[in-house]
Structure formats: structure tokens, C-alpha cells
Amino acid sequence: MLAPTLLVIAVVLLITLNTAGVALTAFQLPGNWLTAAACAAFAWYRWGAEHWSFGIPAVAIVLGLAALGELLEFITGALGSATVGGSKRGSILSIPAALVGAIAGSLFIPVPVLGTLVGAAAGGGLGALAGDKWAGRPWGQAFKAAGGAAVGKVTGTVLKLIVGVAQWITAAAALIF
């Protein structure tokens, strides 16, 4: 009787962790990787089960989606500044500055997700601005690059969140089918 109970507990834990993964992604934290790790652990737990197994294809898809989310977030953040003529320094500085901004936004803007997103966009923009000024760009061009970096960061976060939802759906489908 213990085995079916443990399975139910494992399924509930998987769904809870995957939901937490989507929420963490919205807060600029590595939620997509939490989802991937939870799915891999569940697959390991169910390895060799006769019925209702969570297979390698589902885990591979969830892992691939986690990597895709990271790639999309990185590319859109860097391209946001570069597409409006920003410097490489600005693009590079926008990445850690967006992380610091996300933390500050979460602390100082007490609206869940919105504070984090606004902080990340502002931080990314300020990082791009600082990098472009360091590269010797005029203020007008530096502000344009900062706006591009902010838009790129928001776009990347939204895409990564969409990927997190796709991971959740993939795991749920693997549990059902």
C-alpha cells in the first residue's frame, strides 16, 4: 500500500516544483532549471516502472526547453541594445546590471513579478547606458541603446516565461499520457 502513496506524493511534488519553477522564472530566478531537475528526478524515481512511466523523451524535451529559454533570454537582452546601435560593452554590462536591477526591483517595488521585471529592465538599461558611455558614445546614442536593452530584457523574460509554461505543459502531458 505504501508504493501507490509514494507515487501520489511524488506526482504532487513534481507538479508543485514545476509550478514553483514557472513562478521563479517570473522573478528572474532559474525556475526553468528547477523544472528540469524535478522532471529528471521524477523520471529516475519511476525508472523501469511497468505502468505510467515518465520517460527519457519528456526529460530531454524539458531540458532542451530550459536551454532554449536561457538562449532566448541572453540573445534578446544582447540584441536589444545592439539593434539600436549599442556597443558591445553596453550589451555585456546590461546582463549583470539587469540581474542587480531585478533584485532591487523586487525589494523596492512591492508588486510581485512587476517589480522584478521593472527592476530588470531598468538595470539592463542602466548597464547598457554605462557601457555605451564607457565606450565613448554620445549621450543620445547611449540612451537609445539603454532603451533597446530594457526592451530586450523584458522580451527575453517574457519568452523565458513562455518556455517555462511549455515545460510545465510537457511534464503534465508526460504524466497523463
N, C-alpha and C. Protein backbone atom coordinates (compact mmCIF):
# COMPACT_ATOMS: atom_id res chain seq x y z
N MET A 1 0.82 -1.20 0.00
CA MET A 1 0.00 0.00 0.00
C MET A 1 0.86 1.26 0.00
N LEU A 2 2.09 1.15 0.46
CA LEU A 2 2.98 2.30 0.54
C LEU A 2 3.39 2.80 -0.84
N ALA A 3 3.61 1.91 -1.78
CA ALA A 3 4.09 2.31 -3.11
C ALA A 3 3.12 3.25 -3.82
N PRO A 4 1.80 2.97 -3.87
CA PRO A 4 0.89 3.92 -4.52
C PRO A 4 0.87 5.28 -3.80
N THR A 5 0.99 5.27 -2.49
CA THR A 5 1.00 6.52 -1.73
C THR A 5 2.25 7.34 -2.07
N LEU A 6 3.40 6.67 -2.16
CA LEU A 6 4.63 7.36 -2.53
C LEU A 6 4.55 7.93 -3.94
N LEU A 7 3.91 7.20 -4.84
CA LEU A 7 3.75 7.69 -6.20
C LEU A 7 2.90 8.95 -6.22
N VAL A 8 1.81 8.97 -5.49
CA VAL A 8 0.95 10.15 -5.43
C VAL A 8 1.74 11.33 -4.84
N ILE A 9 2.49 11.08 -3.79
CA ILE A 9 3.30 12.14 -3.20
C ILE A 9 4.32 12.66 -4.21
N ALA A 10 4.95 11.76 -4.96
CA ALA A 10 5.94 12.16 -5.96
C ALA A 10 5.31 13.00 -7.07
N VAL A 11 4.12 12.61 -7.52
CA VAL A 11 3.42 13.36 -8.57
C VAL A 11 3.05 14.75 -8.07
N VAL A 12 2.52 14.83 -6.86
CA VAL A 12 2.14 16.13 -6.29
C VAL A 12 3.38 17.01 -6.12
N LEU A 13 4.48 16.41 -5.67
CA LEU A 13 5.73 17.15 -5.52
C LEU A 13 6.23 17.65 -6.88
N LEU A 14 6.17 16.81 -7.89
CA LEU A 14 6.59 17.22 -9.24
C LEU A 14 5.76 18.40 -9.74
N ILE A 15 4.47 18.30 -9.62
CA ILE A 15 3.60 19.39 -10.09
C ILE A 15 3.87 20.67 -9.30
N THR A 16 4.07 20.54 -8.00
CA THR A 16 4.35 21.71 -7.16
C THR A 16 5.67 22.35 -7.54
N LEU A 17 6.71 21.54 -7.71
CA LEU A 17 8.02 22.08 -8.10
C LEU A 17 7.97 22.72 -9.48
N ASN A 18 7.25 22.10 -10.41
CA ASN A 18 7.15 22.68 -11.75
C ASN A 18 6.40 24.01 -11.73
N THR A 19 5.37 24.10 -10.92
CA THR A 19 4.64 25.37 -10.78
C THR A 19 5.54 26.42 -10.13
N ALA A 20 6.29 26.02 -9.12
CA ALA A 20 7.25 26.93 -8.49
C ALA A 20 8.31 27.36 -9.50
N GLY A 21 8.70 26.46 -10.39
CA GLY A 21 9.68 26.80 -11.42
C GLY A 21 9.19 27.92 -12.33
N VAL A 22 7.93 27.85 -12.73
CA VAL A 22 7.36 28.92 -13.57
C VAL A 22 7.35 30.24 -12.79
N ALA A 23 6.95 30.18 -11.52
CA ALA A 23 6.91 31.40 -10.70
C ALA A 23 8.31 31.98 -10.51
N LEU A 24 9.29 31.13 -10.25
CA LEU A 24 10.66 31.62 -10.07
C LEU A 24 11.20 32.27 -11.33
N THR A 25 10.84 31.73 -12.48
CA THR A 25 11.27 32.32 -13.75
C THR A 25 10.74 33.74 -13.88
N ALA A 26 9.51 33.96 -13.44
CA ALA A 26 8.94 35.30 -13.48
C ALA A 26 9.72 36.27 -12.60
N PHE A 27 10.39 35.74 -11.57
CA PHE A 27 11.19 36.56 -10.67
C PHE A 27 12.67 36.59 -11.07
N GLN A 28 12.99 36.23 -12.31
CA GLN A 28 14.36 36.26 -12.82
C GLN A 28 15.27 35.26 -12.13
N LEU A 29 14.70 34.19 -11.60
CA LEU A 29 15.48 33.14 -10.95
C LEU A 29 15.46 31.90 -11.84
N PRO A 30 16.33 30.94 -11.62
CA PRO A 30 16.45 29.79 -12.53
C PRO A 30 15.35 28.75 -12.37
N GLY A 31 14.12 29.17 -12.51
CA GLY A 31 12.98 28.27 -12.37
C GLY A 31 12.90 27.20 -13.44
N ASN A 32 13.31 27.54 -14.67
CA ASN A 32 13.26 26.54 -15.73
C ASN A 32 14.20 25.37 -15.42
N TRP A 33 15.30 25.66 -14.75
CA TRP A 33 16.23 24.59 -14.38
C TRP A 33 15.69 23.79 -13.20
N LEU A 34 14.93 24.42 -12.32
CA LEU A 34 14.26 23.68 -11.25
C LEU A 34 13.28 22.68 -11.85
N THR A 35 12.52 23.13 -12.84
CA THR A 35 11.57 22.25 -13.52
C THR A 35 12.31 21.08 -14.17
N ALA A 36 13.40 21.36 -14.84
CA ALA A 36 14.17 20.30 -15.50
C ALA A 36 14.71 19.30 -14.48
N ALA A 37 15.23 19.81 -13.37
CA ALA A 37 15.76 18.92 -12.33
C ALA A 37 14.65 18.08 -11.69
N ALA A 38 13.51 18.69 -11.46
CA ALA A 38 12.38 17.95 -10.87
C ALA A 38 11.91 16.84 -11.81
N CYS A 39 11.84 17.14 -13.09
CA CYS A 39 11.42 16.11 -14.07
C CYS A 39 12.44 14.99 -14.16
N ALA A 40 13.73 15.33 -14.14
CA ALA A 40 14.77 14.30 -14.19
C ALA A 40 14.71 13.42 -12.94
N ALA A 41 14.50 14.03 -11.78
CA ALA A 41 14.41 13.25 -10.54
C ALA A 41 13.19 12.34 -10.55
N PHE A 42 12.07 12.85 -11.07
CA PHE A 42 10.87 12.02 -11.13
C PHE A 42 11.07 10.87 -12.11
N ALA A 43 11.70 11.13 -13.24
CA ALA A 43 11.97 10.06 -14.21
C ALA A 43 12.88 8.99 -13.59
N TRP A 44 13.87 9.44 -12.84
CA TRP A 44 14.76 8.49 -12.17
C TRP A 44 13.97 7.65 -11.16
N TYR A 45 13.08 8.30 -10.42
CA TYR A 45 12.25 7.59 -9.44
C TYR A 45 11.37 6.55 -10.12
N ARG A 46 10.86 6.86 -11.29
CA ARG A 46 9.94 5.96 -12.00
C ARG A 46 10.67 5.04 -13.00
N TRP A 47 12.00 5.10 -13.02
CA TRP A 47 12.78 4.32 -13.98
C TRP A 47 12.42 2.84 -13.88
N GLY A 48 12.06 2.23 -14.98
CA GLY A 48 11.76 0.81 -15.04
C GLY A 48 10.38 0.43 -14.56
N ALA A 49 9.54 1.40 -14.25
CA ALA A 49 8.19 1.07 -13.81
C ALA A 49 7.40 0.48 -14.98
N GLU A 50 6.57 -0.48 -14.67
CA GLU A 50 5.79 -1.13 -15.74
C GLU A 50 4.74 -0.20 -16.32
N HIS A 51 4.08 0.53 -15.47
CA HIS A 51 2.98 1.38 -15.92
C HIS A 51 3.25 2.82 -15.51
N TRP A 52 2.76 3.71 -16.33
CA TRP A 52 2.75 5.12 -16.00
C TRP A 52 4.16 5.65 -15.74
N SER A 53 5.05 5.38 -16.67
CA SER A 53 6.43 5.81 -16.53
C SER A 53 6.62 7.18 -17.18
N PHE A 54 7.49 7.94 -16.64
CA PHE A 54 7.84 9.27 -17.12
C PHE A 54 9.16 9.11 -17.83
N GLY A 55 9.16 9.15 -19.16
CA GLY A 55 10.31 8.70 -19.92
C GLY A 55 11.37 9.72 -20.27
N ILE A 56 12.42 9.19 -20.87
CA ILE A 56 13.56 9.98 -21.31
C ILE A 56 13.16 11.06 -22.31
N PRO A 57 12.25 10.79 -23.27
CA PRO A 57 11.88 11.86 -24.20
C PRO A 57 11.30 13.10 -23.50
N ALA A 58 10.48 12.89 -22.49
CA ALA A 58 9.91 14.03 -21.77
C ALA A 58 11.01 14.82 -21.06
N VAL A 59 11.92 14.13 -20.42
CA VAL A 59 13.02 14.80 -19.73
C VAL A 59 13.91 15.54 -20.73
N ALA A 60 14.19 14.92 -21.86
CA ALA A 60 15.02 15.57 -22.88
C ALA A 60 14.35 16.84 -23.41
N ILE A 61 13.04 16.78 -23.62
CA ILE A 61 12.32 17.97 -24.10
C ILE A 61 12.37 19.07 -23.05
N VAL A 62 12.13 18.72 -21.79
CA VAL A 62 12.13 19.72 -20.72
C VAL A 62 13.52 20.33 -20.56
N LEU A 63 14.56 19.52 -20.64
CA LEU A 63 15.94 20.04 -20.57
C LEU A 63 16.25 20.93 -21.76
N GLY A 64 15.84 20.49 -22.94
CA GLY A 64 16.05 21.31 -24.14
C GLY A 64 15.34 22.64 -24.06
N LEU A 65 14.13 22.63 -23.52
CA LEU A 65 13.39 23.88 -23.35
C LEU A 65 14.07 24.80 -22.35
N ALA A 66 14.63 24.25 -21.28
CA ALA A 66 15.36 25.08 -20.31
C ALA A 66 16.54 25.77 -20.99
N ALA A 67 17.28 25.03 -21.79
CA ALA A 67 18.41 25.62 -22.52
C ALA A 67 17.93 26.67 -23.52
N LEU A 68 16.83 26.38 -24.21
CA LEU A 68 16.26 27.34 -25.15
C LEU A 68 15.86 28.63 -24.45
N GLY A 69 15.25 28.51 -23.27
CA GLY A 69 14.85 29.70 -22.52
C GLY A 69 16.04 30.58 -22.18
N GLU A 70 17.13 29.96 -21.75
CA GLU A 70 18.35 30.72 -21.43
C GLU A 70 18.90 31.41 -22.68
N LEU A 71 18.93 30.67 -23.76
CA LEU A 71 19.43 31.22 -25.02
C LEU A 71 18.59 32.40 -25.48
N LEU A 72 17.27 32.25 -25.45
CA LEU A 72 16.38 33.34 -25.87
C LEU A 72 16.55 34.57 -24.99
N GLU A 73 16.65 34.36 -23.69
CA GLU A 73 16.81 35.50 -22.78
C GLU A 73 18.14 36.22 -23.04
N PHE A 74 19.20 35.46 -23.23
CA PHE A 74 20.51 36.05 -23.48
C PHE A 74 20.52 36.81 -24.80
N ILE A 75 20.01 36.17 -25.86
CA ILE A 75 20.04 36.79 -27.18
C ILE A 75 19.21 38.06 -27.23
N THR A 76 17.98 38.01 -26.71
CA THR A 76 17.13 39.19 -26.78
C THR A 76 17.69 40.34 -25.94
N GLY A 77 18.29 40.02 -24.81
CA GLY A 77 18.90 41.06 -23.99
C GLY A 77 20.06 41.74 -24.71
N ALA A 78 20.92 40.95 -25.31
CA ALA A 78 22.07 41.50 -26.02
C ALA A 78 21.66 42.20 -27.31
N LEU A 79 20.71 41.60 -28.03
CA LEU A 79 20.28 42.21 -29.28
C LEU A 79 19.49 43.49 -29.07
N GLY A 80 18.81 43.59 -27.93
CA GLY A 80 18.03 44.79 -27.66
C GLY A 80 18.89 46.04 -27.74
N SER A 81 20.06 45.99 -27.18
CA SER A 81 20.98 47.12 -27.23
C SER A 81 21.67 47.21 -28.59
N ALA A 82 22.10 46.08 -29.11
CA ALA A 82 22.87 46.08 -30.35
C ALA A 82 22.04 46.53 -31.56
N THR A 83 20.75 46.19 -31.59
CA THR A 83 19.93 46.54 -32.76
C THR A 83 19.71 48.04 -32.89
N VAL A 84 19.89 48.78 -31.82
CA VAL A 84 19.74 50.23 -31.91
C VAL A 84 21.10 50.93 -31.90
N GLY A 85 22.15 50.17 -32.18
CA GLY A 85 23.47 50.76 -32.31
C GLY A 85 24.29 50.79 -31.04
N GLY A 86 23.91 50.00 -30.04
CA GLY A 86 24.66 49.97 -28.79
C GLY A 86 26.00 49.27 -28.96
N SER A 87 26.89 49.55 -28.03
CA SER A 87 28.23 48.97 -28.08
C SER A 87 28.24 47.57 -27.47
N LYS A 88 29.33 46.85 -27.73
CA LYS A 88 29.49 45.53 -27.09
C LYS A 88 29.59 45.67 -25.58
N ARG A 89 30.25 46.72 -25.13
CA ARG A 89 30.37 46.95 -23.69
C ARG A 89 28.99 47.15 -23.07
N GLY A 90 28.17 47.92 -23.75
CA GLY A 90 26.82 48.16 -23.25
C GLY A 90 26.00 46.88 -23.20
N SER A 91 26.12 46.07 -24.25
CA SER A 91 25.39 44.80 -24.27
C SER A 91 25.85 43.87 -23.15
N ILE A 92 27.16 43.83 -22.93
CA ILE A 92 27.70 42.95 -21.90
C ILE A 92 27.34 43.46 -20.50
N LEU A 93 27.47 44.75 -20.27
CA LEU A 93 27.15 45.30 -18.95
C LEU A 93 25.66 45.24 -18.63
N SER A 94 24.82 45.19 -19.66
CA SER A 94 23.38 45.14 -19.41
C SER A 94 22.96 43.84 -18.73
N ILE A 95 23.72 42.78 -18.92
CA ILE A 95 23.33 41.47 -18.37
C ILE A 95 23.45 41.44 -16.83
N PRO A 96 24.63 41.72 -16.24
CA PRO A 96 24.68 41.71 -14.76
C PRO A 96 23.87 42.85 -14.15
N ALA A 97 23.80 43.97 -14.85
CA ALA A 97 23.02 45.10 -14.32
C ALA A 97 21.53 44.74 -14.28
N ALA A 98 21.06 43.96 -15.23
CA ALA A 98 19.66 43.53 -15.21
C ALA A 98 19.40 42.62 -14.02
N LEU A 99 20.35 41.78 -13.67
CA LEU A 99 20.20 40.90 -12.51
C LEU A 99 20.13 41.73 -11.22
N VAL A 100 21.03 42.68 -11.08
CA VAL A 100 21.02 43.55 -9.90
C VAL A 100 19.71 44.36 -9.87
N GLY A 101 19.28 44.84 -11.02
CA GLY A 101 18.03 45.59 -11.10
C GLY A 101 16.82 44.74 -10.73
N ALA A 102 16.83 43.48 -11.13
CA ALA A 102 15.72 42.58 -10.79
C ALA A 102 15.63 42.40 -9.27
N ILE A 103 16.78 42.26 -8.63
CA ILE A 103 16.78 42.11 -7.17
C ILE A 103 16.30 43.40 -6.50
N ALA A 104 16.83 44.53 -6.96
CA ALA A 104 16.41 45.81 -6.39
C ALA A 104 14.93 46.08 -6.65
N GLY A 105 14.47 45.77 -7.84
CA GLY A 105 13.06 45.97 -8.16
C GLY A 105 12.16 45.12 -7.29
N SER A 106 12.59 43.89 -7.03
CA SER A 106 11.81 43.01 -6.16
C SER A 106 11.72 43.56 -4.74
N LEU A 107 12.80 44.21 -4.30
CA LEU A 107 12.83 44.74 -2.94
C LEU A 107 12.09 46.07 -2.80
N PHE A 108 12.23 46.93 -3.80
CA PHE A 108 11.72 48.30 -3.66
C PHE A 108 10.37 48.55 -4.35
N ILE A 109 9.95 47.66 -5.22
CA ILE A 109 8.64 47.79 -5.84
C ILE A 109 7.84 46.57 -5.37
N PRO A 110 6.99 46.75 -4.38
CA PRO A 110 6.36 45.61 -3.73
C PRO A 110 5.20 44.97 -4.49
N VAL A 111 5.31 44.93 -5.80
CA VAL A 111 4.29 44.27 -6.62
C VAL A 111 4.95 43.04 -7.23
N PRO A 112 4.51 41.84 -6.82
CA PRO A 112 5.15 40.63 -7.33
C PRO A 112 5.22 40.61 -8.86
N VAL A 113 6.29 40.13 -9.36
CA VAL A 113 6.64 39.99 -10.77
C VAL A 113 6.85 41.35 -11.43
N LEU A 114 5.93 42.27 -11.28
CA LEU A 114 6.07 43.59 -11.90
C LEU A 114 7.31 44.31 -11.39
N GLY A 115 7.52 44.29 -10.07
CA GLY A 115 8.70 44.94 -9.51
C GLY A 115 9.99 44.33 -10.03
N THR A 116 10.00 43.02 -10.14
CA THR A 116 11.18 42.32 -10.65
C THR A 116 11.42 42.68 -12.11
N LEU A 117 10.37 42.68 -12.90
CA LEU A 117 10.51 42.96 -14.33
C LEU A 117 10.92 44.41 -14.57
N VAL A 118 10.31 45.35 -13.85
CA VAL A 118 10.68 46.76 -13.99
C VAL A 118 12.13 46.96 -13.56
N GLY A 119 12.51 46.33 -12.45
CA GLY A 119 13.89 46.44 -11.99
C GLY A 119 14.89 45.86 -12.97
N ALA A 120 14.55 44.71 -13.56
CA ALA A 120 15.45 44.10 -14.54
C ALA A 120 15.59 44.98 -15.78
N ALA A 121 14.48 45.52 -16.24
CA ALA A 121 14.52 46.39 -17.43
C ALA A 121 15.33 47.66 -17.13
N ALA A 122 15.09 48.26 -15.96
CA ALA A 122 15.83 49.47 -15.59
C ALA A 122 17.32 49.16 -15.42
N GLY A 123 17.62 48.05 -14.75
CA GLY A 123 19.02 47.68 -14.57
C GLY A 123 19.72 47.40 -15.89
N GLY A 124 19.04 46.65 -16.76
CA GLY A 124 19.62 46.38 -18.08
C GLY A 124 19.87 47.66 -18.86
N GLY A 125 18.90 48.57 -18.79
CA GLY A 125 19.06 49.85 -19.47
C GLY A 125 20.21 50.67 -18.92
N LEU A 126 20.31 50.72 -17.59
CA LEU A 126 21.41 51.47 -16.97
C LEU A 126 22.76 50.84 -17.28
N GLY A 127 22.81 49.51 -17.31
CA GLY A 127 24.06 48.84 -17.66
C GLY A 127 24.48 49.16 -19.09
N ALA A 128 23.51 49.16 -20.00
CA ALA A 128 23.82 49.50 -21.39
C ALA A 128 24.25 50.96 -21.51
N LEU A 129 23.58 51.84 -20.76
CA LEU A 129 23.94 53.25 -20.77
C LEU A 129 25.37 53.45 -20.29
N ALA A 130 25.71 52.79 -19.17
CA ALA A 130 27.07 52.92 -18.62
C ALA A 130 28.11 52.35 -19.60
N GLY A 131 27.79 51.20 -20.17
CA GLY A 131 28.73 50.59 -21.12
C GLY A 131 28.93 51.44 -22.37
N ASP A 132 27.86 52.04 -22.87
CA ASP A 132 27.99 52.88 -24.07
C ASP A 132 28.74 54.18 -23.77
N LYS A 133 28.52 54.75 -22.59
CA LYS A 133 29.29 55.94 -22.23
C LYS A 133 30.76 55.59 -22.05
N TRP A 134 31.03 54.42 -21.45
CA TRP A 134 32.40 53.94 -21.27
C TRP A 134 33.06 53.74 -22.64
N ALA A 135 32.28 53.31 -23.61
CA ALA A 135 32.80 53.10 -24.97
C ALA A 135 32.94 54.41 -25.74
N GLY A 136 32.56 55.53 -25.12
CA GLY A 136 32.73 56.82 -25.75
C GLY A 136 31.57 57.26 -26.64
N ARG A 137 30.43 56.63 -26.51
CA ARG A 137 29.27 57.00 -27.32
C ARG A 137 28.64 58.29 -26.79
N PRO A 138 28.05 59.09 -27.67
CA PRO A 138 27.36 60.30 -27.19
C PRO A 138 26.11 59.93 -26.39
N TRP A 139 25.63 60.88 -25.57
CA TRP A 139 24.50 60.61 -24.68
C TRP A 139 23.27 60.14 -25.45
N GLY A 140 22.97 60.76 -26.55
CA GLY A 140 21.78 60.38 -27.32
C GLY A 140 21.82 58.92 -27.75
N GLN A 141 22.94 58.51 -28.27
CA GLN A 141 23.10 57.13 -28.71
C GLN A 141 23.10 56.17 -27.51
N ALA A 142 23.71 56.59 -26.41
CA ALA A 142 23.75 55.75 -25.21
C ALA A 142 22.34 55.55 -24.64
N PHE A 143 21.53 56.61 -24.63
CA PHE A 143 20.15 56.47 -24.14
C PHE A 143 19.32 55.58 -25.07
N LYS A 144 19.58 55.68 -26.35
CA LYS A 144 18.86 54.81 -27.31
C LYS A 144 19.22 53.34 -27.05
N ALA A 145 20.50 53.08 -26.83
CA ALA A 145 20.94 51.71 -26.53
C ALA A 145 20.35 51.23 -25.21
N ALA A 146 20.24 52.13 -24.23
CA ALA A 146 19.66 51.76 -22.94
C ALA A 146 18.19 51.35 -23.11
N GLY A 147 17.46 52.10 -23.91
CA GLY A 147 16.07 51.74 -24.19
C GLY A 147 15.96 50.40 -24.90
N GLY A 148 16.85 50.17 -25.84
CA GLY A 148 16.86 48.88 -26.54
C GLY A 148 17.17 47.73 -25.61
N ALA A 149 18.11 47.93 -24.69
CA ALA A 149 18.46 46.88 -23.73
C ALA A 149 17.28 46.59 -22.80
N ALA A 150 16.58 47.63 -22.38
CA ALA A 150 15.43 47.43 -21.49
C ALA A 150 14.33 46.64 -22.20
N VAL A 151 14.05 47.01 -23.43
CA VAL A 151 13.03 46.28 -24.21
C VAL A 151 13.48 44.84 -24.45
N GLY A 152 14.75 44.65 -24.75
CA GLY A 152 15.28 43.30 -24.96
C GLY A 152 15.17 42.45 -23.72
N LYS A 153 15.43 43.04 -22.55
CA LYS A 153 15.34 42.29 -21.30
C LYS A 153 13.91 41.87 -21.01
N VAL A 154 12.96 42.75 -21.21
CA VAL A 154 11.56 42.42 -20.99
C VAL A 154 11.12 41.33 -21.97
N THR A 155 11.51 41.48 -23.23
CA THR A 155 11.17 40.48 -24.24
C THR A 155 11.76 39.12 -23.88
N GLY A 156 13.02 39.11 -23.47
CA GLY A 156 13.67 37.85 -23.09
C GLY A 156 12.99 37.19 -21.89
N THR A 157 12.59 37.99 -20.93
CA THR A 157 11.91 37.44 -19.75
C THR A 157 10.57 36.84 -20.13
N VAL A 158 9.83 37.54 -20.96
CA VAL A 158 8.53 37.02 -21.40
C VAL A 158 8.71 35.72 -22.18
N LEU A 159 9.69 35.68 -23.07
CA LEU A 159 9.95 34.45 -23.83
C LEU A 159 10.37 33.30 -22.91
N LYS A 160 11.21 33.60 -21.93
CA LYS A 160 11.65 32.56 -21.00
C LYS A 160 10.48 32.06 -20.16
N LEU A 161 9.58 32.95 -19.80
CA LEU A 161 8.39 32.56 -19.05
C LEU A 161 7.48 31.66 -19.91
N ILE A 162 7.35 31.99 -21.18
CA ILE A 162 6.58 31.15 -22.10
C ILE A 162 7.21 29.76 -22.20
N VAL A 163 8.53 29.72 -22.26
CA VAL A 163 9.23 28.43 -22.29
C VAL A 163 8.97 27.66 -21.00
N GLY A 164 8.94 28.35 -19.86
CA GLY A 164 8.64 27.69 -18.58
C GLY A 164 7.25 27.08 -18.57
N VAL A 165 6.30 27.78 -19.14
CA VAL A 165 4.94 27.22 -19.23
C VAL A 165 4.94 26.01 -20.17
N ALA A 166 5.70 26.09 -21.25
CA ALA A 166 5.81 24.94 -22.17
C ALA A 166 6.42 23.74 -21.46
N GLN A 167 7.40 23.98 -20.59
CA GLN A 167 7.98 22.88 -19.80
C GLN A 167 6.92 22.27 -18.89
N TRP A 168 6.13 23.11 -18.24
CA TRP A 168 5.09 22.64 -17.33
C TRP A 168 4.09 21.78 -18.09
N ILE A 169 3.68 22.25 -19.26
CA ILE A 169 2.71 21.51 -20.08
C ILE A 169 3.31 20.18 -20.55
N THR A 170 4.58 20.19 -20.94
CA THR A 170 5.25 18.96 -21.37
C THR A 170 5.27 17.93 -20.24
N ALA A 171 5.63 18.39 -19.03
CA ALA A 171 5.67 17.46 -17.90
C ALA A 171 4.28 16.94 -17.56
N ALA A 172 3.29 17.81 -17.61
CA ALA A 172 1.91 17.39 -17.31
C ALA A 172 1.43 16.38 -18.34
N ALA A 173 1.74 16.63 -19.61
CA ALA A 173 1.35 15.69 -20.66
C ALA A 173 2.05 14.36 -20.48
N ALA A 174 3.31 14.39 -20.08
CA ALA A 174 4.04 13.13 -19.85
C ALA A 174 3.44 12.35 -18.69
N LEU A 175 2.91 13.04 -17.70
CA LEU A 175 2.25 12.36 -16.60
C LEU A 175 0.93 11.74 -17.02
N ILE A 176 0.23 12.44 -17.89
CA ILE A 176 -1.10 11.98 -18.31
C ILE A 176 -1.03 10.86 -19.34
N PHE A 177 -0.13 11.03 -20.31
CA PHE A 177 -0.10 10.07 -21.44
C PHE A 177 0.97 9.06 -21.25
